[in-house]
Structures are given as structure tokens and as C-alpha cells.
Amino acid sequence: MEQKKPRTYHDEFAEQFIALMYEQWLDILLVASQQSPRVASLLRVAAPVRLQRTKGMWRIQVATRSSEIREKLRQPRDNEILAQAIRLYYHREAQLKLPRISVDFDE
């Protein structure tokens, strides 16, 4: 019986999309600032670091530089504001219709 080699999952699209988001981060924050200047200003020192795609949904991990900033981003809608800003930015700039997005703020 032939043994199968374990497959490693490598999502090149996710890496490229995160790299693109990183380049356009300040523009995305300008969109976010229309809904919440507080969230946008806190995220100026943050950066997107990971994208996971599961069951028609994207989970984007945003790294903050300090736990103090992360604590300030604990209001119920903070992650939703950023998720909407990401979707709106790419819809305006590239006419992309992204799936549902959730955002996690981590170190």
C-alpha cells in the first residue's frame, strides 16, 4: 500500500492579498475614519498580518504594537468598522465584492 505524503496548505492568494492590504493600509484607514476617527487613529500603528479563508468568510488578523492599543479596541463594533472599511475600500477602488469579513486584533 502506498503511503501518501502529508500535504501542506499554502495559500498564495492570502499572502498576496495581505501584502496588498499592507501597502494600502493608510487608504483603508481613511475609509474607516469616516465611521470612526477613534478606530482609525488607533490602527495607524497596526498592520494586517494574516488572512484565513473559511466557508465563504475571511478572517483578517491585524497586529497591534501594544496591549494598550488592543485594550482600546475592545468596543463591540471596532472590528466591524474595520471590516466594513476593508470591503468598501476594495469595492470602490477595484470593484471587488469581497465575502463577509471578520477582523481580530492581536499582538
C-alpha atoms as a PDB file:
ATOM      1  CA  MET A   1       0.000   0.000   0.000  1.00  0.00           C
ATOM      2  CA  GLU A   2       1.380   3.381  -0.999  1.00  0.00           C
ATOM      3  CA  GLN A   3       1.835   5.961   1.729  1.00  0.00           C
ATOM      4  CA  LYS A   4       0.594   9.446   0.974  1.00  0.00           C
ATOM      5  CA  LYS A   5       2.821  12.390   1.686  1.00  0.00           C
ATOM      6  CA  PRO A   6       1.269  14.926   4.035  1.00  0.00           C
ATOM      7  CA  ARG A   7       0.053  17.978   2.179  1.00  0.00           C
ATOM      8  CA  THR A   8       0.990  21.376   3.405  1.00  0.00           C
ATOM      9  CA  TYR A   9      -1.611  24.020   2.849  1.00  0.00           C
ATOM     10  CA  HIS A  10      -0.164  27.137   1.307  1.00  0.00           C
ATOM     11  CA  ASP A  11      -2.481  29.933   0.349  1.00  0.00           C
ATOM     12  CA  GLU A  12      -0.567  32.191  -2.005  1.00  0.00           C
ATOM     13  CA  PHE A  13      -3.640  34.357  -2.631  1.00  0.00           C
ATOM     14  CA  ALA A  14      -3.954  35.123   1.080  1.00  0.00           C
ATOM     15  CA  GLU A  15      -0.302  36.157   1.284  1.00  0.00           C
ATOM     16  CA  GLN A  16      -0.625  38.400  -1.759  1.00  0.00           C
ATOM     17  CA  PHE A  17      -3.837  39.983  -0.515  1.00  0.00           C
ATOM     18  CA  ILE A  18      -2.300  40.758   2.886  1.00  0.00           C
ATOM     19  CA  ALA A  19       0.737  42.285   1.160  1.00  0.00           C
ATOM     20  CA  LEU A  20      -1.608  44.448  -0.913  1.00  0.00           C
ATOM     21  CA  MET A  21      -3.573  45.477   2.185  1.00  0.00           C
ATOM     22  CA  TYR A  22      -0.331  46.390   3.915  1.00  0.00           C
ATOM     23  CA  GLU A  23       0.577  48.724   1.033  1.00  0.00           C
ATOM     24  CA  GLN A  24      -2.889  50.320   1.067  1.00  0.00           C
ATOM     25  CA  TRP A  25      -3.353  50.371   4.845  1.00  0.00           C
ATOM     26  CA  LEU A  26      -3.454  54.162   5.229  1.00  0.00           C
ATOM     27  CA  ASP A  27      -6.063  54.436   2.450  1.00  0.00           C
ATOM     28  CA  ILE A  28      -8.185  51.791   4.180  1.00  0.00           C
ATOM     29  CA  LEU A  29      -7.890  53.738   7.429  1.00  0.00           C
ATOM     30  CA  LEU A  30      -9.134  56.869   5.663  1.00  0.00           C
ATOM     31  CA  VAL A  31     -12.317  54.969   4.818  1.00  0.00           C
ATOM     32  CA  ALA A  32     -12.555  53.695   8.411  1.00  0.00           C
ATOM     33  CA  SER A  33     -12.135  57.224   9.756  1.00  0.00           C
ATOM     34  CA  GLN A  34     -15.396  58.231   8.086  1.00  0.00           C
ATOM     35  CA  GLN A  35     -17.213  55.946  10.527  1.00  0.00           C
ATOM     36  CA  SER A  36     -14.878  56.150  13.494  1.00  0.00           C
ATOM     37  CA  PRO A  37     -11.929  58.530  13.689  1.00  0.00           C
ATOM     38  CA  ARG A  38     -11.032  56.899  17.024  1.00  0.00           C
ATOM     39  CA  VAL A  39     -10.618  53.430  15.490  1.00  0.00           C
ATOM     40  CA  ALA A  40      -8.675  54.778  12.514  1.00  0.00           C
ATOM     41  CA  SER A  41      -6.258  56.707  14.708  1.00  0.00           C
ATOM     42  CA  LEU A  42      -5.626  53.686  16.949  1.00  0.00           C
ATOM     43  CA  LEU A  43      -4.919  51.499  13.921  1.00  0.00           C
ATOM     44  CA  ARG A  44      -2.286  53.800  12.406  1.00  0.00           C
ATOM     45  CA  VAL A  45       0.359  51.793  14.276  1.00  0.00           C
ATOM     46  CA  ALA A  46      -1.211  48.437  13.379  1.00  0.00           C
ATOM     47  CA  ALA A  47      -0.858  46.267  10.276  1.00  0.00           C
ATOM     48  CA  PRO A  48      -2.673  43.340   8.651  1.00  0.00           C
ATOM     49  CA  VAL A  49      -0.668  40.145   9.076  1.00  0.00           C
ATOM     50  CA  ARG A  50      -2.831  37.160   8.190  1.00  0.00           C
ATOM     51  CA  LEU A  51      -5.842  36.148   6.141  1.00  0.00           C
ATOM     52  CA  GLN A  52      -7.722  32.903   6.670  1.00  0.00           C
ATOM     53  CA  ARG A  53     -10.457  31.890   4.265  1.00  0.00           C
ATOM     54  CA  THR A  54     -13.071  29.501   5.611  1.00  0.00           C
ATOM     55  CA  LYS A  55     -16.583  28.658   4.468  1.00  0.00           C
ATOM     56  CA  GLY A  56     -17.172  31.797   2.450  1.00  0.00           C
ATOM     57  CA  MET A  57     -15.782  34.096   5.131  1.00  0.00           C
ATOM     58  CA  TRP A  58     -12.470  35.854   5.541  1.00  0.00           C
ATOM     59  CA  ARG A  59     -10.843  36.314   8.929  1.00  0.00           C
ATOM     60  CA  ILE A  60      -8.178  39.016   8.898  1.00  0.00           C
ATOM     61  CA  GLN A  61      -5.714  39.278  11.744  1.00  0.00           C
ATOM     62  CA  VAL A  62      -4.417  42.767  12.491  1.00  0.00           C
ATOM     63  CA  ALA A  63      -1.336  43.106  14.679  1.00  0.00           C
ATOM     64  CA  THR A  64      -1.160  45.982  17.106  1.00  0.00           C
ATOM     65  CA  ARG A  65       2.095  47.069  18.662  1.00  0.00           C
ATOM     66  CA  SER A  66       0.939  47.279  22.235  1.00  0.00           C
ATOM     67  CA  SER A  67      -1.577  45.701  24.536  1.00  0.00           C
ATOM     68  CA  GLU A  68      -2.761  49.187  25.486  1.00  0.00           C
ATOM     69  CA  ILE A  69      -3.996  49.817  21.933  1.00  0.00           C
ATOM     70  CA  ARG A  70      -5.602  46.374  21.808  1.00  0.00           C
ATOM     71  CA  GLU A  71      -7.483  47.151  25.021  1.00  0.00           C
ATOM     72  CA  LYS A  72      -8.794  50.383  23.496  1.00  0.00           C
ATOM     73  CA  LEU A  73     -10.105  48.383  20.513  1.00  0.00           C
ATOM     74  CA  ARG A  74     -12.463  46.281  22.647  1.00  0.00           C
ATOM     75  CA  GLN A  75     -15.651  48.200  21.984  1.00  0.00           C
ATOM     76  CA  PRO A  76     -18.310  45.996  20.385  1.00  0.00           C
ATOM     77  CA  ARG A  77     -18.184  47.456  16.888  1.00  0.00           C
ATOM     78  CA  ASP A  78     -14.484  48.245  16.440  1.00  0.00           C
ATOM     79  CA  ASN A  79     -13.694  45.137  14.411  1.00  0.00           C
ATOM     80  CA  GLU A  80     -16.902  45.550  12.378  1.00  0.00           C
ATOM     81  CA  ILE A  81     -15.956  49.131  11.485  1.00  0.00           C
ATOM     82  CA  LEU A  82     -12.607  47.980  10.105  1.00  0.00           C
ATOM     83  CA  ALA A  83     -14.159  45.018   8.284  1.00  0.00           C
ATOM     84  CA  GLN A  84     -16.668  47.323   6.576  1.00  0.00           C
ATOM     85  CA  ALA A  85     -13.902  49.768   5.668  1.00  0.00           C
ATOM     86  CA  ILE A  86     -11.882  46.985   4.009  1.00  0.00           C
ATOM     87  CA  ARG A  87     -14.863  45.793   1.982  1.00  0.00           C
ATOM     88  CA  LEU A  88     -15.850  49.325   0.994  1.00  0.00           C
ATOM     89  CA  TYR A  89     -12.312  50.317   0.023  1.00  0.00           C
ATOM     90  CA  TYR A  90     -11.843  47.360  -2.330  1.00  0.00           C
ATOM     91  CA  HIS A  91     -15.328  47.766  -3.753  1.00  0.00           C
ATOM     92  CA  ARG A  92     -14.653  51.445  -4.543  1.00  0.00           C
ATOM     93  CA  GLU A  93     -11.107  51.011  -5.848  1.00  0.00           C
ATOM     94  CA  ALA A  94     -11.285  47.695  -7.685  1.00  0.00           C
ATOM     95  CA  GLN A  95     -14.995  46.860  -7.877  1.00  0.00           C
ATOM     96  CA  LEU A  96     -14.314  43.716  -5.844  1.00  0.00           C
ATOM     97  CA  LYS A  97     -17.165  42.133  -3.952  1.00  0.00           C
ATOM     98  CA  LEU A  98     -15.415  40.538  -1.021  1.00  0.00           C
ATOM     99  CA  PRO A  99     -17.115  37.912   1.146  1.00  0.00           C
ATOM    100  CA  ARG A 100     -18.046  38.522   4.764  1.00  0.00           C
ATOM    101  CA  ILE A 101     -15.005  39.682   6.719  1.00  0.00           C
ATOM    102  CA  SER A 102     -14.213  39.478  10.403  1.00  0.00           C
ATOM    103  CA  VAL A 103     -11.237  41.184  11.999  1.00  0.00           C
ATOM    104  CA  ASP A 104      -9.227  40.083  15.029  1.00  0.00           C
ATOM    105  CA  PHE A 105      -6.832  42.421  16.801  1.00  0.00           C
ATOM    106  CA  ASP A 106      -3.730  40.631  18.096  1.00  0.00           C
ATOM    107  CA  GLU A 107      -0.190  41.404  19.160  1.00  0.00           C
END
